[in-house]
Amino acid sequence: MQAKAMSSSPPMCRLPGAASPPVALVTGPTGRVFDKANIGLASAMRDLGAHLRETGESKGYNASFTGRDRSAFLETLDRLCRQVKR
């Protein structure tokens, strides 16, 4: 039996009726939606934070995940799922 190779890229979805290339819909844990305009900055900030934690320059204390964050995430996830279904 051959094992499937794991892809490092996230799964893509094709919007119904679209002849365009696949579209990825991405949300963060607090409900923030990422798109082509802001994903680069978010990724760069994540990498910078990881680097600062590795070098000891930052302790990396993050705010705790609140009920408001959970609610915002679930609302955004629901909205994105409905968007894909259309």
N, C-alpha and C. Protein backbone atom coordinates (compact mmCIF):
# COMPACT_ATOMS: atom_id res chain seq x y z
N MET A 1 0.82 -1.18 0.00
CA MET A 1 0.00 0.00 0.00
C MET A 1 0.86 1.25 0.00
N GLN A 2 0.47 2.20 -0.80
CA GLN A 2 1.22 3.45 -0.86
C GLN A 2 0.54 4.49 0.01
N ALA A 3 1.32 5.23 0.77
CA ALA A 3 0.77 6.31 1.59
C ALA A 3 0.57 7.54 0.71
N LYS A 4 -0.50 8.26 0.98
CA LYS A 4 -0.74 9.50 0.24
C LYS A 4 0.23 10.58 0.71
N ALA A 5 0.74 11.34 -0.21
CA ALA A 5 1.62 12.45 0.12
C ALA A 5 0.79 13.59 0.68
N MET A 6 1.22 14.15 1.78
CA MET A 6 0.51 15.26 2.40
C MET A 6 0.90 16.55 1.71
N SER A 7 -0.06 17.33 1.35
CA SER A 7 0.18 18.62 0.71
C SER A 7 0.29 19.69 1.78
N SER A 8 1.23 20.60 1.62
CA SER A 8 1.38 21.67 2.61
C SER A 8 0.44 22.83 2.35
N SER A 9 -0.19 22.85 1.18
CA SER A 9 -1.11 23.94 0.89
C SER A 9 -2.50 23.61 1.40
N PRO A 10 -3.26 24.63 1.82
CA PRO A 10 -4.59 24.38 2.36
C PRO A 10 -5.54 23.92 1.26
N PRO A 11 -6.60 23.19 1.65
CA PRO A 11 -7.57 22.76 0.64
C PRO A 11 -8.26 23.97 0.02
N MET A 12 -8.56 23.89 -1.25
CA MET A 12 -9.21 24.98 -1.96
C MET A 12 -10.61 24.55 -2.33
N CYS A 13 -11.49 25.51 -2.47
CA CYS A 13 -12.85 25.19 -2.91
C CYS A 13 -13.18 26.04 -4.12
N ARG A 14 -13.94 25.48 -5.01
CA ARG A 14 -14.37 26.21 -6.19
C ARG A 14 -15.79 26.69 -5.94
N LEU A 15 -16.00 27.98 -6.07
CA LEU A 15 -17.33 28.52 -5.86
C LEU A 15 -18.25 28.03 -6.97
N PRO A 16 -19.49 27.64 -6.63
CA PRO A 16 -20.41 27.12 -7.63
C PRO A 16 -20.63 28.11 -8.77
N GLY A 17 -20.63 27.59 -9.99
CA GLY A 17 -20.88 28.42 -11.16
C GLY A 17 -19.72 29.31 -11.56
N ALA A 18 -18.59 29.19 -10.88
CA ALA A 18 -17.46 30.05 -11.18
C ALA A 18 -16.52 29.36 -12.15
N ALA A 19 -16.11 30.07 -13.17
CA ALA A 19 -15.15 29.54 -14.12
C ALA A 19 -13.74 29.94 -13.72
N SER A 20 -13.62 30.69 -12.64
CA SER A 20 -12.32 31.18 -12.18
C SER A 20 -11.59 30.10 -11.39
N PRO A 21 -10.31 30.33 -11.09
CA PRO A 21 -9.55 29.36 -10.30
C PRO A 21 -10.15 29.19 -8.91
N PRO A 22 -9.77 28.13 -8.20
CA PRO A 22 -10.31 27.89 -6.86
C PRO A 22 -10.07 29.08 -5.93
N VAL A 23 -10.93 29.23 -4.96
CA VAL A 23 -10.87 30.32 -4.01
C VAL A 23 -10.76 29.72 -2.61
N ALA A 24 -9.88 30.25 -1.78
CA ALA A 24 -9.77 29.82 -0.39
C ALA A 24 -10.44 30.86 0.47
N LEU A 25 -11.29 30.42 1.38
CA LEU A 25 -11.92 31.31 2.34
C LEU A 25 -11.30 30.99 3.69
N VAL A 26 -10.72 32.00 4.33
CA VAL A 26 -9.94 31.78 5.54
C VAL A 26 -10.40 32.71 6.64
N THR A 27 -10.56 32.16 7.86
CA THR A 27 -10.89 32.98 9.02
C THR A 27 -9.94 32.62 10.16
N GLY A 28 -9.65 33.61 10.97
CA GLY A 28 -8.82 33.38 12.14
C GLY A 28 -9.68 32.97 13.33
N PRO A 29 -9.07 32.65 14.45
CA PRO A 29 -9.82 32.18 15.61
C PRO A 29 -10.74 33.22 16.23
N THR A 30 -10.53 34.49 15.91
CA THR A 30 -11.41 35.53 16.46
C THR A 30 -12.43 36.02 15.44
N GLY A 31 -12.54 35.32 14.30
CA GLY A 31 -13.53 35.69 13.30
C GLY A 31 -13.03 36.65 12.24
N ARG A 32 -11.78 37.00 12.28
CA ARG A 32 -11.22 37.89 11.28
C ARG A 32 -11.09 37.14 9.96
N VAL A 33 -11.58 37.71 8.88
CA VAL A 33 -11.50 37.08 7.57
C VAL A 33 -10.22 37.54 6.88
N PHE A 34 -9.47 36.58 6.35
CA PHE A 34 -8.25 36.89 5.62
C PHE A 34 -8.51 36.76 4.13
N ASP A 35 -7.93 37.68 3.36
CA ASP A 35 -8.06 37.66 1.91
C ASP A 35 -6.70 37.99 1.30
N LYS A 36 -6.66 38.13 -0.01
CA LYS A 36 -5.39 38.40 -0.69
C LYS A 36 -4.75 39.70 -0.21
N ALA A 37 -5.56 40.65 0.21
CA ALA A 37 -5.05 41.96 0.61
C ALA A 37 -4.37 41.95 1.98
N ASN A 38 -4.79 41.05 2.89
CA ASN A 38 -4.24 41.12 4.25
C ASN A 38 -3.55 39.84 4.73
N ILE A 39 -3.57 38.78 3.95
CA ILE A 39 -2.97 37.52 4.41
C ILE A 39 -1.45 37.62 4.49
N GLY A 40 -0.84 38.38 3.61
CA GLY A 40 0.63 38.52 3.64
C GLY A 40 1.11 39.18 4.92
N LEU A 41 0.45 40.25 5.33
CA LEU A 41 0.83 40.94 6.56
C LEU A 41 0.60 40.04 7.77
N ALA A 42 -0.53 39.34 7.80
CA ALA A 42 -0.82 38.45 8.93
C ALA A 42 0.22 37.35 9.03
N SER A 43 0.61 36.79 7.90
CA SER A 43 1.62 35.74 7.88
C SER A 43 2.98 36.27 8.33
N ALA A 44 3.33 37.47 7.88
CA ALA A 44 4.61 38.09 8.27
C ALA A 44 4.63 38.38 9.77
N MET A 45 3.52 38.85 10.32
CA MET A 45 3.46 39.14 11.75
C MET A 45 3.55 37.85 12.58
N ARG A 46 2.91 36.77 12.09
CA ARG A 46 3.00 35.48 12.77
C ARG A 46 4.45 35.01 12.79
N ASP A 47 5.13 35.11 11.65
CA ASP A 47 6.53 34.68 11.56
C ASP A 47 7.43 35.54 12.44
N LEU A 48 7.19 36.85 12.47
CA LEU A 48 7.97 37.74 13.33
C LEU A 48 7.78 37.38 14.80
N GLY A 49 6.54 37.15 15.20
CA GLY A 49 6.26 36.76 16.59
C GLY A 49 6.96 35.46 16.96
N ALA A 50 6.93 34.48 16.05
CA ALA A 50 7.61 33.21 16.29
C ALA A 50 9.11 33.42 16.45
N HIS A 51 9.69 34.26 15.60
CA HIS A 51 11.12 34.55 15.67
C HIS A 51 11.47 35.22 17.01
N LEU A 52 10.67 36.20 17.41
CA LEU A 52 10.94 36.90 18.67
C LEU A 52 10.83 35.96 19.87
N ARG A 53 9.87 35.03 19.84
CA ARG A 53 9.75 34.07 20.92
C ARG A 53 10.94 33.12 20.95
N GLU A 54 11.39 32.68 19.77
CA GLU A 54 12.54 31.77 19.69
C GLU A 54 13.81 32.41 20.21
N THR A 55 13.98 33.70 19.97
CA THR A 55 15.21 34.39 20.40
C THR A 55 15.11 34.91 21.83
N GLY A 56 13.93 34.76 22.45
CA GLY A 56 13.76 35.21 23.83
C GLY A 56 13.43 36.68 23.97
N GLU A 57 13.23 37.38 22.87
CA GLU A 57 12.91 38.81 22.92
C GLU A 57 11.48 39.05 23.36
N SER A 58 10.63 38.05 23.21
CA SER A 58 9.22 38.19 23.57
C SER A 58 8.78 36.92 24.27
N LYS A 59 8.00 37.06 25.30
CA LYS A 59 7.48 35.89 26.01
C LYS A 59 6.27 35.30 25.31
N GLY A 60 5.64 36.05 24.41
CA GLY A 60 4.54 35.52 23.62
C GLY A 60 3.24 35.37 24.37
N TYR A 61 2.98 36.24 25.34
CA TYR A 61 1.72 36.16 26.08
C TYR A 61 0.60 36.67 25.19
N ASN A 62 -0.36 35.83 24.92
CA ASN A 62 -1.49 36.20 24.09
C ASN A 62 -2.73 36.35 24.96
N ALA A 63 -3.66 37.17 24.49
CA ALA A 63 -4.93 37.29 25.20
C ALA A 63 -5.65 35.94 25.15
N SER A 64 -6.38 35.63 26.21
CA SER A 64 -7.10 34.36 26.22
C SER A 64 -8.28 34.39 25.25
N PHE A 65 -8.70 33.22 24.84
CA PHE A 65 -9.81 33.06 23.90
C PHE A 65 -11.10 33.24 24.68
N THR A 66 -11.86 34.28 24.34
CA THR A 66 -13.07 34.62 25.09
C THR A 66 -14.32 34.07 24.41
N GLY A 67 -15.43 34.16 25.11
CA GLY A 67 -16.71 33.77 24.55
C GLY A 67 -17.08 34.63 23.35
N ARG A 68 -16.69 35.90 23.40
CA ARG A 68 -16.94 36.81 22.28
C ARG A 68 -16.15 36.37 21.05
N ASP A 69 -14.88 35.93 21.26
CA ASP A 69 -14.07 35.43 20.15
C ASP A 69 -14.71 34.19 19.53
N ARG A 70 -15.17 33.28 20.39
CA ARG A 70 -15.81 32.05 19.91
C ARG A 70 -17.05 32.37 19.09
N SER A 71 -17.86 33.29 19.58
CA SER A 71 -19.08 33.68 18.88
C SER A 71 -18.76 34.31 17.53
N ALA A 72 -17.77 35.21 17.50
CA ALA A 72 -17.38 35.87 16.25
C ALA A 72 -16.84 34.85 15.25
N PHE A 73 -16.04 33.88 15.73
CA PHE A 73 -15.51 32.84 14.84
C PHE A 73 -16.64 32.01 14.24
N LEU A 74 -17.58 31.57 15.09
CA LEU A 74 -18.67 30.73 14.60
C LEU A 74 -19.58 31.48 13.63
N GLU A 75 -19.83 32.76 13.89
CA GLU A 75 -20.64 33.55 12.96
C GLU A 75 -19.94 33.70 11.61
N THR A 76 -18.65 33.97 11.65
CA THR A 76 -17.89 34.13 10.41
C THR A 76 -17.81 32.81 9.66
N LEU A 77 -17.57 31.72 10.36
CA LEU A 77 -17.51 30.41 9.72
C LEU A 77 -18.84 30.07 9.06
N ASP A 78 -19.94 30.33 9.74
CA ASP A 78 -21.26 30.08 9.18
C ASP A 78 -21.49 30.91 7.92
N ARG A 79 -21.11 32.19 7.98
CA ARG A 79 -21.28 33.08 6.82
C ARG A 79 -20.44 32.60 5.63
N LEU A 80 -19.21 32.19 5.87
CA LEU A 80 -18.35 31.71 4.79
C LEU A 80 -18.89 30.40 4.20
N CYS A 81 -19.41 29.52 5.04
CA CYS A 81 -19.99 28.26 4.56
C CYS A 81 -21.21 28.54 3.68
N ARG A 82 -22.06 29.46 4.11
CA ARG A 82 -23.23 29.82 3.30
C ARG A 82 -22.80 30.46 1.99
N GLN A 83 -21.72 31.22 2.01
CA GLN A 83 -21.21 31.87 0.80
C GLN A 83 -20.76 30.81 -0.21
N VAL A 84 -20.12 29.76 0.25
CA VAL A 84 -19.63 28.70 -0.63
C VAL A 84 -20.80 27.93 -1.22
N LYS A 85 -21.85 27.71 -0.43
CA LYS A 85 -23.00 26.93 -0.90
C LYS A 85 -23.79 27.62 -2.00
N ARG A 86 -23.75 28.93 -2.05
CA ARG A 86 -24.53 29.66 -3.07
C ARG A 86 -24.06 29.41 -4.45
